[in-house]
Amino acid sequence: MPKVVSTSVNADGGPHFEILANAGFDVEPVDRSVDLFVAADLVAQMQGVSAISAGSEPYTREVIESLPDLRVISRSGVGFDAIDLAACDERGVVVTVTPGVNHHAVAEHTIALLMGVARGFPQRHDRVMNGRWFREPYPRVMGSTIGIVGLGRIGRAVATRAAGLGMNVLAFEPYPQQEFVETWRIELVDDLDELLPRCDYVSLHLPNMAETHHVINAERLAKMKSSSVLINTARGPLVDEAALIEALKSGSIRAAGLDVFEVEPLPTDSPLLELDNVLLSGHVAGLDNESHEGTFEMVADTIVKLHAGEWPADRIVNMQGVTDWTW
C-alpha cells in the first residue's frame, strides 16, 4: 500500500489521515525531532514514501533525485517556491497546492496586522507591560487609503474587508476581475510606482517569482509616504528586508506588519526584533480552524484522485502538457 507522510506544521492529526487511510494508504506524521530544512535529514525521513502532505520544507533537486518512490508532493497551501518544479517534471513528481481554502484566513490576518499597527501596537502593549502609560493619537483607518498589490483571491478578500472599514481601495493588478473591481469601487492603477505614494497602507498579495523578488526595495520604499505602513502576508522575498529595516529605522515609512520573512524562521538576531514599529507573526496568516480542515481535506483528496487516475488540474502546478502520467 502506498505510503504518505504528513510534514505540515500542526498536521499530525486531521481529516487527511482518515481520508487517506480509508482509501488504502499507509499514512503517518513525520518525526518532529528532525530538522526538515536539512536536505539529508529530509531525504532520510522520506525513503519509501509515495506522497507527501507537505509543508514549507525545501524540496530541492538534490532531495527530489534522492527519492525514487516519490510520486506526489501535495502542498498544504498555495505557495510552491520551496519546490524545484523542473526537477519534479523530470522525475514525474506531481506538485499540487490547495487553492481557494485559506484566502479568508489570510485576509483576516492582514486586516488584524493593519489594525494593530494603526492603533499603535506593539508600542502600546510594550508601554503598559513596562508601566509606562502614554496617551498618543493615531490616524483613523476609516477614510484612509489602502493599496493592494495583487488582486487575486486573497487580494480580493482583503479588498472587501478594507471597503467594509470605510477605506479607499486602490489596486495594482494586470489581470483584474473587472466585475469585482466595479462592484467594490476599486480604483485600478497601471503601475506600482503610481500606487505607492498615494497609499496610507500597502498590502502585498503576490506570488514569489523571479519577477516579484524584492518588488519592494529601497527605491520603492522611498516612494511611500513617511506616514505609510507596509503589510506583507504573502511571501518574504517580495521585500528587500535590509532596505525595509533601514526605512523603518530612519522613519522613511511609519511601520510594518509582517507575517513572512526572507529567512524563516526569522533569525533571533534579526534587527526586526529590535524595532518597536513592527508587528510580527510567524507565517500563520493562512491558519484558522476552517482553513486547516479544508486544506488537509483537499491535500488528501488530491492524492486520492491522482492515485485513482484523475487529474485535478486546478490544483496542479507543474507537469504542463503531460497527458500520460500514471501512479
Protein backbone atom coordinates (compact mmCIF):
# COMPACT_ATOMS: atom_id res chain seq x y z
CA MET A 1 0.00 0.00 0.00
CA PRO A 2 1.36 3.48 -0.87
CA LYS A 3 2.94 5.36 1.99
CA VAL A 4 2.10 9.01 2.74
CA VAL A 5 3.92 11.19 5.27
CA SER A 6 2.49 14.43 6.67
CA THR A 7 5.12 17.12 7.28
CA SER A 8 2.96 20.24 7.60
CA VAL A 9 3.05 22.09 10.90
CA ASN A 10 0.09 21.29 13.19
CA ALA A 11 -0.90 18.44 10.89
CA ASP A 12 -0.08 15.33 12.89
CA GLY A 13 -3.81 14.70 13.01
CA GLY A 14 -6.75 15.84 10.96
CA PRO A 15 -9.11 14.81 8.17
CA HIS A 16 -6.31 13.83 5.78
CA PHE A 17 -5.37 10.86 7.94
CA GLU A 18 -8.87 9.38 7.81
CA ILE A 19 -9.41 10.16 4.11
CA LEU A 20 -6.10 8.60 3.09
CA ALA A 21 -6.46 5.58 5.38
CA ASN A 22 -9.95 4.90 4.04
CA ALA A 23 -8.54 4.99 0.50
CA GLY A 24 -5.96 2.33 1.38
CA PHE A 25 -2.92 4.48 2.07
CA ASP A 26 -0.46 3.97 4.90
CA VAL A 27 -0.29 7.48 6.39
CA GLU A 28 1.80 8.74 9.29
CA PRO A 29 3.20 12.02 10.65
CA VAL A 30 6.84 12.89 10.20
CA ASP A 31 9.30 12.60 13.08
CA ARG A 32 9.09 16.10 14.59
CA SER A 33 12.53 15.81 16.18
CA VAL A 34 14.09 16.03 12.71
CA ASP A 35 15.00 19.33 11.05
CA LEU A 36 13.28 19.00 7.67
CA PHE A 37 15.13 22.04 6.35
CA VAL A 38 18.33 19.94 6.31
CA ALA A 39 18.31 18.08 2.99
CA ALA A 40 19.95 14.90 4.25
CA ASP A 41 17.51 14.62 7.16
CA LEU A 42 14.51 15.26 4.91
CA VAL A 43 15.67 12.60 2.47
CA ALA A 44 16.19 10.11 5.28
CA GLN A 45 12.63 10.66 6.51
CA MET A 46 11.09 10.25 3.05
CA GLN A 47 12.60 6.95 1.94
CA GLY A 48 9.91 4.65 0.55
CA VAL A 49 7.32 7.45 0.59
CA SER A 50 4.96 7.73 -2.38
CA ALA A 51 3.24 11.02 -1.48
CA ILE A 52 3.87 13.86 0.93
CA SER A 53 1.36 16.12 2.62
CA ALA A 54 3.95 18.83 2.51
CA GLY A 55 4.68 21.97 4.48
CA SER A 56 7.19 24.67 3.57
CA GLU A 57 10.31 22.50 3.81
CA PRO A 58 12.51 22.77 0.68
CA TYR A 59 12.28 20.06 -1.97
CA THR A 60 15.43 20.84 -3.90
CA ARG A 61 16.75 18.92 -6.91
CA GLU A 62 19.05 17.06 -4.51
CA VAL A 63 16.09 15.95 -2.42
CA ILE A 64 13.85 15.04 -5.37
CA GLU A 65 16.54 12.97 -7.06
CA SER A 66 17.14 11.06 -3.81
CA LEU A 67 13.51 9.89 -3.52
CA PRO A 68 12.88 7.32 -6.28
CA ASP A 69 9.47 6.26 -4.92
CA LEU A 70 8.02 9.75 -4.68
CA ARG A 71 5.06 10.44 -6.97
CA VAL A 72 3.20 13.40 -5.40
CA ILE A 73 4.05 16.45 -3.29
CA SER A 74 0.67 17.74 -2.12
CA ARG A 75 1.42 21.14 -0.62
CA SER A 76 -0.81 22.39 2.20
CA GLY A 77 -1.16 25.95 0.97
CA VAL A 78 -0.77 27.83 -2.27
CA GLY A 79 2.96 28.57 -2.20
CA PHE A 80 5.33 26.24 -4.02
CA ASP A 81 8.50 28.32 -4.28
CA ALA A 82 10.35 25.86 -2.00
CA ILE A 83 9.92 23.08 -4.58
CA ASP A 84 12.15 22.59 -7.62
CA LEU A 85 9.45 22.18 -10.25
CA ALA A 86 11.89 21.41 -13.05
CA ALA A 87 13.36 18.51 -11.09
CA CYS A 88 9.85 17.27 -10.33
CA ASP A 89 8.93 17.44 -14.02
CA GLU A 90 11.98 15.39 -14.92
CA ARG A 91 11.23 12.76 -12.28
CA GLY A 92 7.48 12.65 -12.93
CA VAL A 93 6.58 14.00 -9.49
CA VAL A 94 3.27 15.89 -9.45
CA VAL A 95 3.24 19.05 -7.32
CA THR A 96 -0.12 20.28 -6.08
CA VAL A 97 -1.50 23.09 -3.91
CA THR A 98 -4.79 23.83 -2.14
CA PRO A 99 -6.36 26.86 -3.84
CA GLY A 100 -9.46 28.56 -2.52
CA VAL A 101 -9.16 27.28 1.03
CA ASN A 102 -7.32 29.85 3.16
CA HIS A 103 -7.96 33.21 1.48
CA HIS A 104 -10.39 34.34 4.18
CA ALA A 105 -7.88 33.45 6.91
CA VAL A 106 -5.09 35.40 5.20
CA ALA A 107 -7.38 38.37 4.61
CA GLU A 108 -8.44 38.48 8.26
CA HIS A 109 -4.82 38.26 9.39
CA THR A 110 -3.87 41.04 7.01
CA ILE A 111 -6.54 43.29 8.48
CA ALA A 112 -5.50 42.26 12.01
CA LEU A 113 -1.92 43.39 11.34
CA LEU A 114 -3.17 46.57 9.69
CA MET A 115 -5.47 47.46 12.57
CA GLY A 116 -2.87 46.52 15.16
CA VAL A 117 -0.28 48.83 13.65
CA ALA A 118 -2.89 51.51 13.01
CA ARG A 119 -3.77 51.62 16.70
CA GLY A 120 -0.17 51.74 17.86
CA PHE A 121 0.77 48.15 18.56
CA PRO A 122 3.15 46.73 19.61
CA GLN A 123 4.30 50.01 21.23
CA ARG A 124 1.17 50.45 23.36
CA HIS A 125 1.35 46.88 24.62
CA ASP A 126 5.03 47.24 25.49
CA ARG A 127 4.50 50.51 27.35
CA VAL A 128 1.74 49.10 29.54
CA MET A 129 3.83 46.00 30.26
CA ASN A 130 6.62 48.30 31.44
CA GLY A 131 4.36 50.56 33.47
CA ARG A 132 4.81 53.49 31.10
CA TRP A 133 1.35 54.80 30.18
CA PHE A 134 1.42 57.24 27.30
CA ARG A 135 -1.59 58.74 25.50
CA GLU A 136 -0.94 59.43 21.83
CA PRO A 137 -3.44 59.77 18.95
CA TYR A 138 -3.06 57.87 15.70
CA PRO A 139 -4.70 58.46 12.32
CA ARG A 140 -8.15 56.94 11.86
CA VAL A 141 -8.34 53.97 9.50
CA MET A 142 -11.74 54.90 8.09
CA GLY A 143 -11.19 57.29 5.20
CA SER A 144 -7.57 56.24 4.70
CA THR A 145 -6.30 54.58 1.52
CA ILE A 146 -5.05 51.03 1.14
CA GLY A 147 -3.09 49.89 -1.88
CA ILE A 148 -3.48 46.20 -2.62
CA VAL A 149 -0.65 44.77 -4.72
CA GLY A 150 -2.11 41.69 -6.39
CA LEU A 151 -5.87 41.34 -6.67
CA GLY A 152 -6.16 37.58 -6.77
CA ARG A 153 -8.35 35.53 -4.46
CA ILE A 154 -6.59 36.77 -1.30
CA GLY A 155 -6.23 40.36 -2.51
CA ARG A 156 -9.94 40.47 -3.31
CA ALA A 157 -10.80 39.13 0.16
CA VAL A 158 -8.69 41.90 1.70
CA ALA A 159 -10.35 44.49 -0.55
CA THR A 160 -13.87 43.65 0.63
CA ARG A 161 -12.82 43.88 4.26
CA ALA A 162 -10.98 47.14 3.72
CA ALA A 163 -14.01 48.59 1.97
CA GLY A 164 -16.13 47.48 4.93
CA LEU A 165 -13.86 49.50 7.20
CA GLY A 166 -14.54 52.59 5.11
CA MET A 167 -11.14 52.62 3.43
CA ASN A 168 -10.50 53.81 -0.10
CA VAL A 169 -9.15 50.87 -2.08
CA LEU A 170 -6.53 51.14 -4.81
CA ALA A 171 -5.09 48.08 -6.51
CA PHE A 172 -2.30 47.13 -8.86
CA GLU A 173 -3.33 44.04 -10.83
CA PRO A 174 -2.53 43.44 -14.51
CA TYR A 175 -5.38 40.94 -14.95
CA PRO A 176 -8.26 42.10 -12.72
CA GLN A 177 -11.74 40.66 -12.46
CA GLN A 178 -13.49 43.69 -13.87
CA GLU A 179 -16.89 42.91 -12.37
CA PHE A 180 -15.35 42.66 -8.89
CA VAL A 181 -13.47 45.92 -9.36
CA GLU A 182 -16.63 47.74 -10.39
CA THR A 183 -18.81 46.19 -7.69
CA TRP A 184 -16.43 47.19 -4.91
CA ARG A 185 -15.47 50.54 -6.47
CA ILE A 186 -11.78 49.76 -6.54
CA GLU A 187 -9.50 52.15 -8.36
CA LEU A 188 -7.01 50.30 -10.53
CA VAL A 189 -3.60 51.84 -11.18
CA ASP A 190 -1.41 50.89 -14.11
CA ASP A 191 1.90 51.00 -12.30
CA LEU A 192 3.08 50.03 -8.82
CA ASP A 193 5.15 53.19 -8.63
CA GLU A 194 1.95 55.18 -9.11
CA LEU A 195 0.19 53.32 -6.29
CA LEU A 196 2.85 53.59 -3.57
CA PRO A 197 2.91 57.37 -2.94
CA ARG A 198 -0.88 57.54 -2.75
CA CYS A 199 -1.45 54.98 -0.02
CA ASP A 200 -1.54 55.04 3.77
CA TYR A 201 -1.28 51.25 3.82
CA VAL A 202 0.29 48.95 1.22
CA SER A 203 -0.61 45.25 1.39
CA LEU A 204 1.27 42.67 -0.68
CA HIS A 205 -0.50 39.69 -2.25
CA LEU A 206 1.82 38.40 -4.96
CA PRO A 207 3.44 35.01 -5.54
CA ASN A 208 7.18 34.66 -5.09
CA MET A 209 8.71 34.51 -8.57
CA ALA A 210 11.82 35.87 -10.23
CA GLU A 211 9.92 38.93 -11.44
CA THR A 212 8.47 39.69 -7.98
CA HIS A 213 11.67 39.15 -5.98
CA HIS A 214 12.32 42.34 -3.97
CA VAL A 215 9.43 44.08 -5.71
CA ILE A 216 9.53 46.30 -2.62
CA ASN A 217 13.07 47.62 -2.47
CA ALA A 218 14.84 50.76 -1.27
CA GLU A 219 13.77 52.75 -4.32
CA ARG A 220 10.10 51.84 -3.90
CA LEU A 221 10.11 52.29 -0.14
CA ALA A 222 11.34 55.82 -0.79
CA LYS A 223 8.23 56.44 -2.90
CA MET A 224 5.91 55.65 0.02
CA LYS A 225 4.59 58.26 2.43
CA SER A 226 6.56 58.68 5.64
CA SER A 227 3.24 58.01 7.42
CA SER A 228 2.52 54.82 5.49
CA VAL A 229 2.54 51.21 6.65
CA LEU A 230 3.68 48.10 4.73
CA ILE A 231 1.81 44.83 5.33
CA ASN A 232 3.18 41.54 4.00
CA THR A 233 1.26 38.30 4.47
CA ALA A 234 2.32 36.86 1.10
CA ARG A 235 5.97 35.84 0.73
CA GLY A 236 9.08 37.16 2.47
CA PRO A 237 11.29 37.56 -0.63
CA LEU A 238 8.85 40.11 -2.08
CA VAL A 239 10.53 42.62 0.24
CA ASP A 240 14.18 43.60 0.45
CA GLU A 241 14.35 43.11 4.21
CA ALA A 242 17.55 45.10 4.70
CA ALA A 243 16.01 48.06 2.85
CA LEU A 244 12.81 47.76 4.90
CA ILE A 245 14.75 47.74 8.16
CA GLU A 246 16.57 50.89 7.11
CA ALA A 247 13.30 52.58 6.13
CA LEU A 248 11.75 51.68 9.48
CA LYS A 249 14.76 52.93 11.42
CA SER A 250 15.02 56.19 9.51
CA GLY A 251 11.30 56.96 9.57
CA SER A 252 11.05 56.77 5.81
CA ILE A 253 7.86 54.77 6.48
CA ARG A 254 5.87 54.66 9.69
CA ALA A 255 5.63 50.95 10.43
CA ALA A 256 5.21 47.43 9.08
CA GLY A 257 3.11 44.35 9.81
CA LEU A 258 4.91 41.18 8.72
CA ASP A 259 3.89 37.53 8.73
CA VAL A 260 6.60 36.36 6.30
CA PHE A 261 10.33 36.91 6.03
CA GLU A 262 13.26 36.36 3.70
CA VAL A 263 14.62 33.70 6.05
CA GLU A 264 12.18 31.58 8.04
CA PRO A 265 12.01 31.04 10.92
CA LEU A 266 13.09 34.64 11.49
CA PRO A 267 16.61 34.55 12.98
CA THR A 268 16.70 35.60 16.62
CA ASP A 269 19.38 38.18 15.80
CA SER A 270 17.27 39.88 13.12
CA PRO A 271 17.21 43.68 13.51
CA LEU A 272 13.44 43.48 13.02
CA LEU A 273 13.18 42.14 16.56
CA GLU A 274 14.75 45.32 17.92
CA LEU A 275 12.23 47.68 16.32
CA ASP A 276 9.10 48.88 18.10
CA ASN A 277 7.32 49.93 14.90
CA VAL A 278 6.98 46.41 13.56
CA LEU A 279 4.19 43.94 14.36
CA LEU A 280 5.29 40.37 13.68
CA SER A 281 3.78 36.91 13.36
CA GLY A 282 5.31 33.64 12.22
CA HIS A 283 3.88 32.71 8.79
CA VAL A 284 0.47 31.85 10.24
CA ALA A 285 -1.79 34.16 8.23
CA GLY A 286 -3.46 31.30 6.38
CA LEU A 287 -4.18 29.30 9.51
CA ASP A 288 -7.58 29.19 11.14
CA ASN A 289 -9.74 26.24 12.14
CA GLU A 290 -11.80 26.30 8.97
CA SER A 291 -8.87 26.67 6.59
CA HIS A 292 -6.94 23.98 8.47
CA GLU A 293 -9.72 21.46 7.96
CA GLY A 294 -10.36 22.48 4.36
CA THR A 295 -6.68 22.48 3.44
CA PHE A 296 -6.00 18.96 4.64
CA GLU A 297 -9.20 17.59 3.19
CA MET A 298 -8.04 18.92 -0.18
CA VAL A 299 -4.48 17.65 0.32
CA ALA A 300 -5.79 14.13 0.89
CA ASP A 301 -8.47 14.35 -1.80
CA THR A 302 -5.83 15.37 -4.34
CA ILE A 303 -3.61 12.42 -3.51
CA VAL A 304 -6.56 10.02 -3.69
CA LYS A 305 -7.70 11.43 -7.03
CA LEU A 306 -4.23 11.16 -8.58
CA HIS A 307 -3.85 7.58 -7.38
CA ALA A 308 -7.24 6.77 -8.94
CA GLY A 309 -6.15 8.14 -12.31
CA GLU A 310 -7.91 11.51 -12.08
CA TRP A 311 -6.15 14.78 -12.87
CA PRO A 312 -7.36 17.73 -10.70
CA ALA A 313 -5.77 20.31 -12.99
CA ASP A 314 -6.80 23.35 -10.93
CA ARG A 315 -4.57 22.10 -8.10
CA ILE A 316 -1.54 21.00 -10.13
CA VAL A 317 1.28 23.50 -10.64
CA ASN A 318 3.73 21.55 -12.83
CA MET A 319 3.73 18.77 -15.48
CA GLN A 320 2.34 21.18 -18.05
CA GLY A 321 1.15 19.37 -21.18
CA VAL A 322 1.59 15.93 -19.64
CA THR A 323 -1.21 13.54 -20.63
CA ASP A 324 0.25 10.12 -19.83
CA TRP A 325 1.20 10.40 -16.15
CA THR A 326 0.38 7.35 -14.09
CA TRP A 327 0.98 6.41 -10.48
